[in-house]
Amino acid sequence: MSDWVWLAILLVTNGMMLLSAHLRYKHGIWDGAFNHFIPHVQKAMREYDDRRTDMILAAREQGYGVWK
């Protein structure tokens, strides 16, 4: 094939990969390995952990999940 055809294929492929990566970042759809590097995901994970901890402590105060 012509060099121009290969160049066009390369540009389209790279453009699609960049668009896909941008959309995945914008909407927070990343594989688990990348989540901890994104600041807004770090904040959301901390908030979730705080809420979960509060729920667990409240349940323990009411006697749920505690061996008697």
C-alpha atoms as a PDB file:
ATOM      1  CA  MET A   1       0.000   0.000   0.000  1.00  0.00           C
ATOM      2  CA  SER A   2       0.950   3.573  -0.401  1.00  0.00           C
ATOM      3  CA  ASP A   3       2.713   5.418   2.405  1.00  0.00           C
ATOM      4  CA  TRP A   4      -0.196   7.866   2.510  1.00  0.00           C
ATOM      5  CA  VAL A   5      -2.653   5.048   3.210  1.00  0.00           C
ATOM      6  CA  TRP A   6      -0.545   3.774   6.109  1.00  0.00           C
ATOM      7  CA  LEU A   7      -0.203   7.301   7.449  1.00  0.00           C
ATOM      8  CA  ALA A   8      -3.983   7.769   7.295  1.00  0.00           C
ATOM      9  CA  ILE A   9      -4.564   4.460   9.096  1.00  0.00           C
ATOM     10  CA  LEU A  10      -2.034   5.412  11.773  1.00  0.00           C
ATOM     11  CA  LEU A  11      -3.571   8.854  12.303  1.00  0.00           C
ATOM     12  CA  VAL A  12      -7.117   7.494  12.535  1.00  0.00           C
ATOM     13  CA  THR A  13      -6.062   4.751  14.959  1.00  0.00           C
ATOM     14  CA  ASN A  14      -4.136   7.154  17.198  1.00  0.00           C
ATOM     15  CA  GLY A  15      -6.972   9.678  17.081  1.00  0.00           C
ATOM     16  CA  MET A  16      -9.482   7.044  18.173  1.00  0.00           C
ATOM     17  CA  MET A  17      -7.209   5.925  21.011  1.00  0.00           C
ATOM     18  CA  LEU A  18      -6.778   9.507  22.233  1.00  0.00           C
ATOM     19  CA  LEU A  19     -10.524  10.165  22.041  1.00  0.00           C
ATOM     20  CA  SER A  20     -11.246   6.952  23.921  1.00  0.00           C
ATOM     21  CA  ALA A  21      -8.723   7.819  26.643  1.00  0.00           C
ATOM     22  CA  HIS A  22     -10.144  11.332  26.957  1.00  0.00           C
ATOM     23  CA  LEU A  23     -13.714  10.067  27.313  1.00  0.00           C
ATOM     24  CA  ARG A  24     -12.687   7.410  29.820  1.00  0.00           C
ATOM     25  CA  TYR A  25     -10.875  10.033  31.910  1.00  0.00           C
ATOM     26  CA  LYS A  26     -13.697  12.569  31.625  1.00  0.00           C
ATOM     27  CA  HIS A  27     -16.333  10.086  32.782  1.00  0.00           C
ATOM     28  CA  GLY A  28     -14.137   8.351  35.362  1.00  0.00           C
ATOM     29  CA  ILE A  29     -14.174   5.000  33.580  1.00  0.00           C
ATOM     30  CA  TRP A  30     -10.638   3.745  34.131  1.00  0.00           C
ATOM     31  CA  ASP A  31      -9.249   0.376  34.956  1.00  0.00           C
ATOM     32  CA  GLY A  32      -8.588  -0.115  38.658  1.00  0.00           C
ATOM     33  CA  ALA A  33      -4.854   0.431  38.279  1.00  0.00           C
ATOM     34  CA  PHE A  34      -5.306   4.084  37.320  1.00  0.00           C
ATOM     35  CA  ASN A  35      -8.005   5.141  39.772  1.00  0.00           C
ATOM     36  CA  HIS A  36      -5.714   6.114  42.628  1.00  0.00           C
ATOM     37  CA  PHE A  37      -3.788   8.609  40.472  1.00  0.00           C
ATOM     38  CA  ILE A  38      -6.810  10.793  39.638  1.00  0.00           C
ATOM     39  CA  PRO A  39      -7.450  13.477  42.304  1.00  0.00           C
ATOM     40  CA  HIS A  40     -11.254  13.490  42.110  1.00  0.00           C
ATOM     41  CA  VAL A  41     -11.277   9.703  42.416  1.00  0.00           C
ATOM     42  CA  GLN A  42      -8.991   9.904  45.463  1.00  0.00           C
ATOM     43  CA  LYS A  43     -11.400  12.363  47.087  1.00  0.00           C
ATOM     44  CA  ALA A  44     -14.429  10.186  46.306  1.00  0.00           C
ATOM     45  CA  MET A  45     -12.677   7.101  47.690  1.00  0.00           C
ATOM     46  CA  ARG A  46     -11.834   8.924  50.942  1.00  0.00           C
ATOM     47  CA  GLU A  47     -15.422  10.157  51.293  1.00  0.00           C
ATOM     48  CA  TYR A  48     -16.746   6.632  50.692  1.00  0.00           C
ATOM     49  CA  ASP A  49     -14.329   5.209  53.262  1.00  0.00           C
ATOM     50  CA  ASP A  50     -15.416   7.831  55.805  1.00  0.00           C
ATOM     51  CA  ARG A  51     -19.115   7.086  55.265  1.00  0.00           C
ATOM     52  CA  ARG A  52     -18.519   3.343  55.425  1.00  0.00           C
ATOM     53  CA  THR A  53     -16.544   3.727  58.662  1.00  0.00           C
ATOM     54  CA  ASP A  54     -19.337   5.824  60.175  1.00  0.00           C
ATOM     55  CA  MET A  55     -21.910   3.181  59.201  1.00  0.00           C
ATOM     56  CA  ILE A  56     -19.835   0.376  60.725  1.00  0.00           C
ATOM     57  CA  LEU A  57     -19.252   2.270  63.970  1.00  0.00           C
ATOM     58  CA  ALA A  58     -22.946   3.171  64.236  1.00  0.00           C
ATOM     59  CA  ALA A  59     -23.899  -0.476  63.713  1.00  0.00           C
ATOM     60  CA  ARG A  60     -21.449  -1.583  66.404  1.00  0.00           C
ATOM     61  CA  GLU A  61     -22.904   0.911  68.857  1.00  0.00           C
ATOM     62  CA  GLN A  62     -26.321  -0.648  68.249  1.00  0.00           C
ATOM     63  CA  GLY A  63     -24.914  -4.128  68.788  1.00  0.00           C
ATOM     64  CA  TYR A  64     -24.878  -5.393  65.205  1.00  0.00           C
ATOM     65  CA  GLY A  65     -21.915  -7.515  64.214  1.00  0.00           C
ATOM     66  CA  VAL A  66     -20.587  -7.771  67.755  1.00  0.00           C
ATOM     67  CA  TRP A  67     -20.152 -11.174  69.357  1.00  0.00           C
ATOM     68  CA  LYS A  68     -21.772 -11.315  72.770  1.00  0.00           C
END
